[in-house]
Structure formats: C-alpha cells, structure tokens
PDB file of N, CA and C in Angstrom:
ATOM      1  N   UNK A   1     -43.220 125.972 -21.186  1.00  0.00           N
ATOM      2  CA  UNK A   1     -43.290 126.451 -21.977  1.00  0.00           C
ATOM      3  C   UNK A   1     -44.034 127.742 -20.818  1.00  0.00           C
ATOM      4  N   UNK A   2     -43.379 129.016 -20.656  1.00  0.00           N
ATOM      5  CA  UNK A   2     -43.763 129.660 -19.294  1.00  0.00           C
ATOM      6  C   UNK A   2     -44.685 130.269 -19.268  1.00  0.00           C
ATOM      7  N   UNK A   3     -44.813 130.875 -17.529  1.00  0.00           N
ATOM      8  CA  UNK A   3     -46.228 130.843 -17.465  1.00  0.00           C
ATOM      9  C   UNK A   3     -47.208 132.770 -17.518  1.00  0.00           C
ATOM     10  N   UNK A   4     -47.779 132.716 -17.614  1.00  0.00           N
ATOM     11  CA  UNK A   4     -47.813 133.920 -18.007  1.00  0.00           C
ATOM     12  C   UNK A   4     -47.587 134.918 -16.082  1.00  0.00           C
ATOM     13  N   UNK A   5     -47.379 135.375 -16.158  1.00  0.00           N
ATOM     14  CA  UNK A   5     -47.211 136.160 -15.019  1.00  0.00           C
ATOM     15  C   UNK A   5     -48.426 137.519 -14.426  1.00  0.00           C
ATOM     16  N   UNK A   6     -49.243 137.640 -15.347  1.00  0.00           N
ATOM     17  CA  UNK A   6     -50.396 138.875 -14.683  1.00  0.00           C
ATOM     18  C   UNK A   6     -51.895 138.002 -15.996  1.00  0.00           C
ATOM     19  N   UNK A   7     -53.371 138.206 -15.328  1.00  0.00           N
ATOM     20  CA  UNK A   7     -54.093 137.654 -15.557  1.00  0.00           C
ATOM     21  C   UNK A   7     -55.099 138.624 -15.815  1.00  0.00           C
ATOM     22  N   UNK A   8     -55.654 138.254 -17.187  1.00  0.00           N
ATOM     23  CA  UNK A   8     -56.699 139.644 -16.786  1.00  0.00           C
ATOM     24  C   UNK A   8     -58.106 138.815 -16.888  1.00  0.00           C
ATOM     25  N   UNK A   9     -59.334 139.140 -16.605  1.00  0.00           N
ATOM     26  CA  UNK A   9     -60.705 138.543 -16.896  1.00  0.00           C
ATOM     27  C   UNK A   9     -61.638 138.257 -17.851  1.00  0.00           C
ATOM     28  N   UNK A  10     -61.847 137.245 -19.255  1.00  0.00           N
ATOM     29  CA  UNK A  10     -62.427 137.320 -19.928  1.00  0.00           C
ATOM     30  C   UNK A  10     -63.951 137.194 -19.842  1.00  0.00           C
ATOM     31  N   UNK A  11     -64.646 137.408 -19.638  1.00  0.00           N
ATOM     32  CA  UNK A  11     -66.192 137.174 -19.116  1.00  0.00           C
ATOM     33  C   UNK A  11     -66.788 136.382 -20.323  1.00  0.00           C
ATOM     34  N   UNK A  12     -67.080 135.788 -20.605  1.00  0.00           N
ATOM     35  CA  UNK A  12     -68.431 135.399 -22.373  1.00  0.00           C
ATOM     36  C   UNK A  12     -69.882 134.458 -21.663  1.00  0.00           C
ATOM     37  N   UNK A  13     -71.009 134.654 -22.571  1.00  0.00           N
ATOM     38  CA  UNK A  13     -72.275 134.250 -22.544  1.00  0.00           C
ATOM     39  C   UNK A  13     -72.011 132.531 -23.303  1.00  0.00           C
ATOM     40  N   UNK A  14     -72.315 132.032 -22.355  1.00  0.00           N
ATOM     41  CA  UNK A  14     -72.905 130.083 -23.592  1.00  0.00           C
ATOM     42  C   UNK A  14     -73.819 130.189 -23.286  1.00  0.00           C
ATOM     43  N   UNK A  15     -74.091 129.525 -24.364  1.00  0.00           N
ATOM     44  CA  UNK A  15     -75.568 127.954 -23.507  1.00  0.00           C
ATOM     45  C   UNK A  15     -75.320 127.401 -22.143  1.00  0.00           C
ATOM     46  N   UNK A  16     -76.505 126.682 -21.085  1.00  0.00           N
ATOM     47  CA  UNK A  16     -76.088 126.543 -20.511  1.00  0.00           C
ATOM     48  C   UNK A  16     -75.973 124.475 -20.825  1.00  0.00           C
ATOM     49  N   UNK A  17     -76.240 124.602 -21.620  1.00  0.00           N
ATOM     50  CA  UNK A  17     -76.164 123.126 -21.994  1.00  0.00           C
ATOM     51  C   UNK A  17     -74.670 122.992 -22.234  1.00  0.00           C
ATOM     52  N   UNK A  18     -74.620 123.457 -24.164  1.00  0.00           N
ATOM     53  CA  UNK A  18     -72.585 123.188 -23.852  1.00  0.00           C
ATOM     54  C   UNK A  18     -72.071 123.571 -23.284  1.00  0.00           C
ATOM     55  N   UNK A  19     -72.194 124.694 -21.694  1.00  0.00           N
ATOM     56  CA  UNK A  19     -71.202 125.111 -21.269  1.00  0.00           C
ATOM     57  C   UNK A  19     -70.515 123.617 -19.947  1.00  0.00           C
ATOM     58  N   UNK A  20     -72.056 123.399 -19.902  1.00  0.00           N
ATOM     59  CA  UNK A  20     -72.027 122.052 -19.154  1.00  0.00           C
ATOM     60  C   UNK A  20     -71.371 120.871 -19.626  1.00  0.00           C
ATOM     61  N   UNK A  21     -70.994 120.436 -21.006  1.00  0.00           N
ATOM     62  CA  UNK A  21     -70.891 119.895 -21.387  1.00  0.00           C
ATOM     63  C   UNK A  21     -69.554 119.499 -21.478  1.00  0.00           C
ATOM     64  N   UNK A  22     -69.134 121.174 -22.110  1.00  0.00           N
ATOM     65  CA  UNK A  22     -67.864 121.699 -21.962  1.00  0.00           C
ATOM     66  C   UNK A  22     -66.795 121.212 -20.674  1.00  0.00           C
ATOM     67  N   UNK A  23     -68.005 121.359 -19.694  1.00  0.00           N
ATOM     68  CA  UNK A  23     -66.913 121.140 -17.900  1.00  0.00           C
ATOM     69  C   UNK A  23     -66.915 119.859 -17.822  1.00  0.00           C
ATOM     70  N   UNK A  24     -67.664 119.148 -17.722  1.00  0.00           N
ATOM     71  CA  UNK A  24     -67.436 117.715 -18.361  1.00  0.00           C
ATOM     72  C   UNK A  24     -66.125 117.098 -18.707  1.00  0.00           C
ATOM     73  N   UNK A  25     -66.178 117.344 -19.970  1.00  0.00           N
ATOM     74  CA  UNK A  25     -65.587 117.109 -20.650  1.00  0.00           C
ATOM     75  C   UNK A  25     -63.717 117.577 -20.347  1.00  0.00           C
ATOM     76  N   UNK A  26     -63.843 118.543 -20.170  1.00  0.00           N
ATOM     77  CA  UNK A  26     -62.010 119.522 -19.745  1.00  0.00           C
ATOM     78  C   UNK A  26     -62.170 118.651 -18.321  1.00  0.00           C
ATOM     79  N   UNK A  27     -62.917 118.196 -17.206  1.00  0.00           N
ATOM     80  CA  UNK A  27     -63.156 117.584 -16.589  1.00  0.00           C
ATOM     81  C   UNK A  27     -62.494 116.427 -16.588  1.00  0.00           C
ATOM     82  N   UNK A  28     -62.887 115.661 -18.438  1.00  0.00           N
ATOM     83  CA  UNK A  28     -61.992 114.205 -18.414  1.00  0.00           C
ATOM     84  C   UNK A  28     -60.674 114.157 -18.850  1.00  0.00           C
ATOM     85  N   UNK A  29     -60.440 115.782 -19.097  1.00  0.00           N
ATOM     86  CA  UNK A  29     -58.846 115.539 -19.642  1.00  0.00           C
ATOM     87  C   UNK A  29     -57.935 116.034 -17.962  1.00  0.00           C
ATOM     88  N   UNK A  30     -58.687 116.438 -17.202  1.00  0.00           N
ATOM     89  CA  UNK A  30     -58.513 116.124 -15.828  1.00  0.00           C
ATOM     90  C   UNK A  30     -57.576 117.882 -16.670  1.00  0.00           C
ATOM     91  N   UNK A  31     -58.451 118.746 -17.060  1.00  0.00           N
ATOM     92  CA  UNK A  31     -58.455 120.073 -16.293  1.00  0.00           C
ATOM     93  C   UNK A  31     -58.807 120.768 -16.563  1.00  0.00           C
ATOM     94  N   UNK A  32     -59.071 122.802 -16.029  1.00  0.00           N
ATOM     95  CA  UNK A  32     -60.320 123.816 -15.401  1.00  0.00           C
ATOM     96  C   UNK A  32     -60.301 123.666 -16.865  1.00  0.00           C
ATOM     97  N   UNK A  33     -61.572 124.484 -16.762  1.00  0.00           N
ATOM     98  CA  UNK A  33     -62.153 125.312 -18.636  1.00  0.00           C
ATOM     99  C   UNK A  33     -61.282 126.291 -18.985  1.00  0.00           C
ATOM    100  N   UNK A  34     -60.528 126.632 -17.638  1.00  0.00           N
ATOM    101  CA  UNK A  34     -60.130 127.717 -18.233  1.00  0.00           C
ATOM    102  C   UNK A  34     -58.182 127.414 -18.597  1.00  0.00           C
ATOM    103  N   UNK A  35     -58.123 126.114 -18.254  1.00  0.00           N
ATOM    104  CA  UNK A  35     -56.970 125.395 -18.761  1.00  0.00           C
ATOM    105  C   UNK A  35     -57.270 125.397 -20.125  1.00  0.00           C
ATOM    106  N   UNK A  36     -58.133 125.246 -20.457  1.00  0.00           N
ATOM    107  CA  UNK A  36     -58.651 125.080 -21.829  1.00  0.00           C
ATOM    108  C   UNK A  36     -59.204 126.047 -22.907  1.00  0.00           C
ATOM    109  N   UNK A  37     -59.459 126.936 -22.356  1.00  0.00           N
ATOM    110  CA  UNK A  37     -59.197 127.950 -22.690  1.00  0.00           C
ATOM    111  C   UNK A  37     -58.161 128.962 -23.217  1.00  0.00           C
ATOM    112  N   UNK A  38     -57.513 128.948 -21.924  1.00  0.00           N
ATOM    113  CA  UNK A  38     -55.712 129.427 -22.078  1.00  0.00           C
ATOM    114  C   UNK A  38     -55.130 128.841 -23.649  1.00  0.00           C
ATOM    115  N   UNK A  39     -54.976 127.922 -23.527  1.00  0.00           N
ATOM    116  CA  UNK A  39     -54.844 126.830 -24.441  1.00  0.00           C
ATOM    117  C   UNK A  39     -55.465 127.374 -26.124  1.00  0.00           C
ATOM    118  N   UNK A  40     -56.959 127.064 -26.499  1.00  0.00           N
ATOM    119  CA  UNK A  40     -57.395 127.672 -27.683  1.00  0.00           C
ATOM    120  C   UNK A  40     -57.325 128.373 -28.581  1.00  0.00           C
ATOM    121  N   UNK A  41     -57.659 130.080 -26.928  1.00  0.00           N
ATOM    122  CA  UNK A  41     -56.760 131.166 -27.968  1.00  0.00           C
ATOM    123  C   UNK A  41     -55.027 130.869 -28.665  1.00  0.00           C
ATOM    124  N   UNK A  42     -54.336 130.514 -26.979  1.00  0.00           N
ATOM    125  CA  UNK A  42     -53.026 130.297 -27.776  1.00  0.00           C
ATOM    126  C   UNK A  42     -52.966 130.015 -28.643  1.00  0.00           C
ATOM    127  N   UNK A  43     -54.190 128.782 -28.999  1.00  0.00           N
ATOM    128  CA  UNK A  43     -53.285 128.352 -31.134  1.00  0.00           C
ATOM    129  C   UNK A  43     -54.054 128.835 -32.347  1.00  0.00           C
ATOM    130  N   UNK A  44     -55.458 129.187 -31.325  1.00  0.00           N
ATOM    131  CA  UNK A  44     -55.206 130.609 -32.204  1.00  0.00           C
ATOM    132  C   UNK A  44     -54.573 131.747 -32.173  1.00  0.00           C
ATOM    133  N   UNK A  45     -54.446 132.294 -31.650  1.00  0.00           N
ATOM    134  CA  UNK A  45     -53.789 133.450 -31.714  1.00  0.00           C
ATOM    135  C   UNK A  45     -52.308 133.160 -33.122  1.00  0.00           C
ATOM    136  N   UNK A  46     -51.601 131.817 -32.000  1.00  0.00           N
ATOM    137  CA  UNK A  46     -49.757 131.052 -32.890  1.00  0.00           C
ATOM    138  C   UNK A  46     -50.509 131.345 -34.450  1.00  0.00           C
ATOM    139  N   UNK A  47     -51.975 130.652 -34.397  1.00  0.00           N
ATOM    140  CA  UNK A  47     -52.124 130.100 -36.618  1.00  0.00           C
ATOM    141  C   UNK A  47     -52.918 131.572 -37.008  1.00  0.00           C
ATOM    142  N   UNK A  48     -53.184 131.936 -36.607  1.00  0.00           N
ATOM    143  CA  UNK A  48     -53.211 133.739 -37.222  1.00  0.00           C
ATOM    144  C   UNK A  48     -51.320 134.164 -37.208  1.00  0.00           C
ATOM    145  N   UNK A  49     -51.416 134.663 -36.050  1.00  0.00           N
ATOM    146  CA  UNK A  49     -50.442 135.152 -36.111  1.00  0.00           C
ATOM    147  C   UNK A  49     -48.988 134.231 -37.532  1.00  0.00           C
ATOM    148  N   UNK A  50     -48.628 133.487 -37.330  1.00  0.00           N
ATOM    149  CA  UNK A  50     -48.518 132.182 -37.845  1.00  0.00           C
ATOM    150  C   UNK A  50     -46.984 132.157 -37.698  1.00  0.00           C
ATOM    151  N   UNK A  51     -46.759 132.064 -35.895  1.00  0.00           N
ATOM    152  CA  UNK A  51     -45.105 132.441 -35.761  1.00  0.00           C
ATOM    153  C   UNK A  51     -45.517 131.644 -33.750  1.00  0.00           C
ATOM    154  N   UNK A  52     -44.875 131.361 -33.104  1.00  0.00           N
ATOM    155  CA  UNK A  52     -44.847 130.715 -31.999  1.00  0.00           C
ATOM    156  C   UNK A  52     -45.728 131.510 -30.414  1.00  0.00           C
ATOM    157  N   UNK A  53     -46.270 131.548 -30.240  1.00  0.00           N
ATOM    158  CA  UNK A  53     -46.405 133.425 -28.917  1.00  0.00           C
ATOM    159  C   UNK A  53     -45.841 133.252 -27.941  1.00  0.00           C
ATOM    160  N   UNK A  54     -45.619 134.063 -27.931  1.00  0.00           N
ATOM    161  CA  UNK A  54     -43.878 134.174 -26.758  1.00  0.00           C
ATOM    162  C   UNK A  54     -43.780 135.680 -25.898  1.00  0.00           C
ATOM    163  N   UNK A  55     -44.603 135.190 -24.174  1.00  0.00           N
ATOM    164  CA  UNK A  55     -45.366 135.897 -23.878  1.00  0.00           C
ATOM    165  C   UNK A  55     -44.671 136.765 -23.463  1.00  0.00           C
ATOM    166  N   UNK A  56     -44.033 138.112 -23.132  1.00  0.00           N
ATOM    167  CA  UNK A  56     -43.266 139.584 -22.577  1.00  0.00           C
ATOM    168  C   UNK A  56     -43.535 139.183 -21.004  1.00  0.00           C
ATOM    169  N   UNK A  57     -42.339 139.459 -20.623  1.00  0.00           N
ATOM    170  CA  UNK A  57     -42.491 139.904 -19.180  1.00  0.00           C
ATOM    171  C   UNK A  57     -42.161 140.825 -18.363  1.00  0.00           C
TER     172      UNK A  57
END
C-alpha cells in the first residue's frame, strides 16, 4: 500500500484511562497510536464506501 503524500492533524478528546490503555496496546503491537488510528479510519472508510480506499496523488 502506497503512503499518502499529505497529512492533516486530527485532534480528539478521549478519556485519559482509555488513552493509556490504547497506547499500551499499540506499543505491544509495535505500532504508534497514529498508525492504528489511520488504519481504523481507512477500514471505516472502506466499509462505508464498499470499496478499497485509493489515495489520489
């Protein structure tokens, strides 16, 4: 899968305990929280669109 060229910041508010558990679980998979959130967003988009996400250049 090709990396997207541009990035944008997304700021969210979450429960501190939930954030701590999320960060720990990400670390156990040797992934950053950003990597996991991007994957979850892509999966959600693909499910809703009914087709694979294709980043446009």
